[in-house]
Amino acid sequence: MKAGIDRIMALAGLILVLLQTAFLDIAPFEYAILLFGVLVTATGLWGLGSRLRPDRRLYLQLREEVDKFIGLVRRINAHVVAGDGEKANDVKEEMHASVELIAQAAGVVADE
């Protein structure tokens, strides 16, 4: 929902800038430069720039282990909130094992 609102606001801002500049007495070349600048800005606001360039992560194994750890954080929190201390302790043990895997994965460059 929040991302949708951000995109609508970015689009509205883009339209406002373009409408305002449409009534200025500027040369077509200057208008093209302005339009290009606004489009680049909008592309950045919508996060399209990161989608256009390839993923160049080097430490894929580390990223995978950290993602698993984040999942464990969510699980332990859910068990603690639910008042299930036994399951929370089980997840805590999984977290300790996960930290060891993270340490092993640190600095390992992915094969291409």
C-alpha atoms as a PDB file:
ATOM      1  CA  MET A   1       0.000   0.000   0.000  1.00  0.00           C
ATOM      2  CA  LYS A   2       2.763   2.424   0.990  1.00  0.00           C
ATOM      3  CA  ALA A   3       4.730   1.681  -2.196  1.00  0.00           C
ATOM      4  CA  GLY A   4       1.587   2.322  -4.232  1.00  0.00           C
ATOM      5  CA  ILE A   5       1.070   5.698  -2.593  1.00  0.00           C
ATOM      6  CA  ASP A   6       4.725   6.581  -3.215  1.00  0.00           C
ATOM      7  CA  ARG A   7       4.351   5.728  -6.892  1.00  0.00           C
ATOM      8  CA  ILE A   8       1.147   7.738  -7.241  1.00  0.00           C
ATOM      9  CA  MET A   9       2.820  10.738  -5.613  1.00  0.00           C
ATOM     10  CA  ALA A  10       5.869  10.397  -7.870  1.00  0.00           C
ATOM     11  CA  LEU A  11       3.636  10.230 -10.928  1.00  0.00           C
ATOM     12  CA  ALA A  12       1.615  13.230  -9.746  1.00  0.00           C
ATOM     13  CA  GLY A  13       4.825  15.196  -9.197  1.00  0.00           C
ATOM     14  CA  LEU A  14       6.053  14.227 -12.647  1.00  0.00           C
ATOM     15  CA  ILE A  15       2.805  15.408 -14.229  1.00  0.00           C
ATOM     16  CA  LEU A  16       2.873  18.692 -12.301  1.00  0.00           C
ATOM     17  CA  VAL A  17       6.428  19.462 -13.372  1.00  0.00           C
ATOM     18  CA  LEU A  18       5.679  18.618 -16.983  1.00  0.00           C
ATOM     19  CA  LEU A  19       2.499  20.703 -17.015  1.00  0.00           C
ATOM     20  CA  GLN A  20       4.280  23.673 -15.461  1.00  0.00           C
ATOM     21  CA  THR A  21       7.156  23.531 -17.922  1.00  0.00           C
ATOM     22  CA  ALA A  22       4.812  23.062 -20.887  1.00  0.00           C
ATOM     23  CA  PHE A  23       3.733  26.688 -20.479  1.00  0.00           C
ATOM     24  CA  LEU A  24       7.255  28.090 -20.316  1.00  0.00           C
ATOM     25  CA  ASP A  25       8.792  29.726 -23.347  1.00  0.00           C
ATOM     26  CA  ILE A  26      11.845  27.495 -23.729  1.00  0.00           C
ATOM     27  CA  ALA A  27      13.544  25.925 -26.715  1.00  0.00           C
ATOM     28  CA  PRO A  28      12.527  22.362 -27.658  1.00  0.00           C
ATOM     29  CA  PHE A  29      16.047  21.101 -26.892  1.00  0.00           C
ATOM     30  CA  GLU A  30      15.886  22.531 -23.363  1.00  0.00           C
ATOM     31  CA  TYR A  31      12.442  21.007 -22.913  1.00  0.00           C
ATOM     32  CA  ALA A  32      13.833  17.599 -23.984  1.00  0.00           C
ATOM     33  CA  ILE A  33      16.658  17.882 -21.440  1.00  0.00           C
ATOM     34  CA  LEU A  34      14.164  18.823 -18.735  1.00  0.00           C
ATOM     35  CA  LEU A  35      11.910  15.912 -19.662  1.00  0.00           C
ATOM     36  CA  PHE A  36      14.862  13.516 -19.580  1.00  0.00           C
ATOM     37  CA  GLY A  37      15.891  14.791 -16.130  1.00  0.00           C
ATOM     38  CA  VAL A  38      12.388  14.374 -14.755  1.00  0.00           C
ATOM     39  CA  LEU A  39      12.156  10.856 -16.159  1.00  0.00           C
ATOM     40  CA  VAL A  40      15.488   9.891 -14.608  1.00  0.00           C
ATOM     41  CA  THR A  41      14.292  11.265 -11.273  1.00  0.00           C
ATOM     42  CA  ALA A  42      11.008   9.364 -11.531  1.00  0.00           C
ATOM     43  CA  THR A  43      12.875   6.185 -12.439  1.00  0.00           C
ATOM     44  CA  GLY A  44      14.931   6.552  -9.268  1.00  0.00           C
ATOM     45  CA  LEU A  45      11.849   7.236  -7.161  1.00  0.00           C
ATOM     46  CA  TRP A  46      10.105   4.138  -8.447  1.00  0.00           C
ATOM     47  CA  GLY A  47      13.152   2.001  -7.791  1.00  0.00           C
ATOM     48  CA  LEU A  48      13.426   0.993 -11.435  1.00  0.00           C
ATOM     49  CA  GLY A  49      17.145   1.684 -11.570  1.00  0.00           C
ATOM     50  CA  SER A  50      17.953  -1.256  -9.335  1.00  0.00           C
ATOM     51  CA  ARG A  51      15.769  -3.512 -11.476  1.00  0.00           C
ATOM     52  CA  LEU A  52      17.519  -2.483 -14.688  1.00  0.00           C
ATOM     53  CA  ARG A  53      21.013  -3.417 -13.601  1.00  0.00           C
ATOM     54  CA  PRO A  54      22.014  -7.025 -12.996  1.00  0.00           C
ATOM     55  CA  ASP A  55      22.347  -8.486  -9.532  1.00  0.00           C
ATOM     56  CA  ARG A  56      26.054  -8.444  -8.703  1.00  0.00           C
ATOM     57  CA  ARG A  57      26.082  -9.953  -5.266  1.00  0.00           C
ATOM     58  CA  LEU A  58      29.307 -11.751  -4.576  1.00  0.00           C
ATOM     59  CA  TYR A  59      28.463 -13.398  -1.275  1.00  0.00           C
ATOM     60  CA  LEU A  60      25.334 -15.353  -2.185  1.00  0.00           C
ATOM     61  CA  GLN A  61      25.833 -18.068   0.422  1.00  0.00           C
ATOM     62  CA  LEU A  62      26.172 -15.448   3.153  1.00  0.00           C
ATOM     63  CA  ARG A  63      23.045 -13.684   1.924  1.00  0.00           C
ATOM     64  CA  GLU A  64      21.120 -16.957   1.999  1.00  0.00           C
ATOM     65  CA  GLU A  65      22.223 -17.735   5.556  1.00  0.00           C
ATOM     66  CA  VAL A  66      21.368 -14.233   6.764  1.00  0.00           C
ATOM     67  CA  ASP A  67      17.913 -14.513   5.154  1.00  0.00           C
ATOM     68  CA  LYS A  68      17.384 -17.792   7.014  1.00  0.00           C
ATOM     69  CA  PHE A  69      18.479 -16.108  10.244  1.00  0.00           C
ATOM     70  CA  ILE A  70      15.959 -13.314   9.710  1.00  0.00           C
ATOM     71  CA  GLY A  71      13.297 -16.005   9.329  1.00  0.00           C
ATOM     72  CA  LEU A  72      14.411 -17.459  12.658  1.00  0.00           C
ATOM     73  CA  VAL A  73      14.120 -14.023  14.273  1.00  0.00           C
ATOM     74  CA  ARG A  74      10.529 -13.823  13.079  1.00  0.00           C
ATOM     75  CA  ARG A  75       9.807 -17.324  14.376  1.00  0.00           C
ATOM     76  CA  ILE A  76      11.290 -16.722  17.831  1.00  0.00           C
ATOM     77  CA  ASN A  77       9.368 -13.490  18.138  1.00  0.00           C
ATOM     78  CA  ALA A  78       6.105 -15.224  17.224  1.00  0.00           C
ATOM     79  CA  HIS A  79       6.718 -17.964  19.812  1.00  0.00           C
ATOM     80  CA  VAL A  80       7.609 -15.470  22.545  1.00  0.00           C
ATOM     81  CA  VAL A  81       4.532 -13.349  21.781  1.00  0.00           C
ATOM     82  CA  ALA A  82       2.394 -16.513  21.863  1.00  0.00           C
ATOM     83  CA  GLY A  83       3.925 -17.425  25.222  1.00  0.00           C
ATOM     84  CA  ASP A  84       5.437 -20.664  23.967  1.00  0.00           C
ATOM     85  CA  GLY A  85       8.802 -20.639  25.728  1.00  0.00           C
ATOM     86  CA  GLU A  86       9.718 -24.195  24.767  1.00  0.00           C
ATOM     87  CA  LYS A  87       9.424 -23.548  21.035  1.00  0.00           C
ATOM     88  CA  ALA A  88      11.214 -20.220  21.502  1.00  0.00           C
ATOM     89  CA  ASN A  89      14.145 -22.076  23.106  1.00  0.00           C
ATOM     90  CA  ASP A  90      14.198 -24.539  20.200  1.00  0.00           C
ATOM     91  CA  VAL A  91      14.406 -21.649  17.750  1.00  0.00           C
ATOM     92  CA  LYS A  92      17.116 -20.077  19.899  1.00  0.00           C
ATOM     93  CA  GLU A  93      19.217 -23.216  19.441  1.00  0.00           C
ATOM     94  CA  GLU A  94      18.595 -23.049  15.673  1.00  0.00           C
ATOM     95  CA  MET A  95      19.762 -19.436  15.779  1.00  0.00           C
ATOM     96  CA  HIS A  96      23.049 -20.432  17.439  1.00  0.00           C
ATOM     97  CA  ALA A  97      23.629 -23.007  14.692  1.00  0.00           C
ATOM     98  CA  SER A  98      22.702 -20.420  12.077  1.00  0.00           C
ATOM     99  CA  VAL A  99      25.297 -17.973  13.434  1.00  0.00           C
ATOM    100  CA  GLU A 100      27.948 -20.659  12.955  1.00  0.00           C
ATOM    101  CA  LEU A 101      26.829 -21.139   9.339  1.00  0.00           C
ATOM    102  CA  ILE A 102      26.912 -17.376   8.801  1.00  0.00           C
ATOM    103  CA  ALA A 103      30.484 -17.249  10.101  1.00  0.00           C
ATOM    104  CA  GLN A 104      31.470 -20.056   7.730  1.00  0.00           C
ATOM    105  CA  ALA A 105      29.788 -18.355   4.758  1.00  0.00           C
ATOM    106  CA  ALA A 106      31.410 -14.984   5.416  1.00  0.00           C
ATOM    107  CA  GLY A 107      33.878 -14.072   2.699  1.00  0.00           C
ATOM    108  CA  VAL A 108      32.924 -16.986   0.422  1.00  0.00           C
ATOM    109  CA  VAL A 109      32.529 -15.652  -3.120  1.00  0.00           C
ATOM    110  CA  ALA A 110      29.820 -17.256  -5.235  1.00  0.00           C
ATOM    111  CA  ASP A 111      30.826 -19.258  -8.298  1.00  0.00           C
ATOM    112  CA  GLU A 112      29.724 -17.716 -11.566  1.00  0.00           C
END
